[in-house]
């Protein structure tokens, strides 16, 4: 059972999320927080596996609450939910340690799948957000990045896998591209994350872009 904490300052929104998630046999809502401070408190008390976190909340916003929650000894995964697909929110959320970013305008059926995706260790970005994220890297002034610690430890195959992750490919799509089984791809992904010292796929991609290892629009 995946334990979920809802953090949103609107009771109707929390109620809607609860109604969607509680129809799923593998998901359990263990609490509702009305602001960032409450989210931090309940995350420590209820020990959820995943926190659905709104960005704009009183007293403490979702970005700051995420950063605080992820300092806990055994932190949950955090999935950011917002009506705003602004790039600044994406970068701030990812740098705070969030594992996913989903717009509230997404169809209800995607919410439960997003929780499962984040809980399983994969990262999730809404397609609209992914496109804007890459577009921003394309248009911003390029720095002469130097690959950080860990990139030199990647094997050629692991580097190929990272490049395909950066394009937004799933494990199944990577397997089809490289003629590998999904379990083999999953093993490669796990090793990439371990060598780079990051918690999930999206942080590996951000690190790869920021270091200059991966260039927007680059082809394998």
Foldseek 3Di string as FASTA:
>chain_A
DAEEEEEALDPVVVVVLQVLQVVDPVYDYQYYHNFLVSVLVCCVVRVGQEYEAEADGPPDGRLRSLLNQVVDPDHHAYEYEYQDLDLVVVVSNVVSPHQEYDYPPDDSVVPNVQSVCVSVQAGYYDPVSLVVNLVVLVPDDDDQAAQDQLPVVQDPVLLLLLQVVLVVDDLVRSCVVVVHDSVVSVVSLVSSCVSVVGRYNVNSNVSCSNRVVHHRPDDD
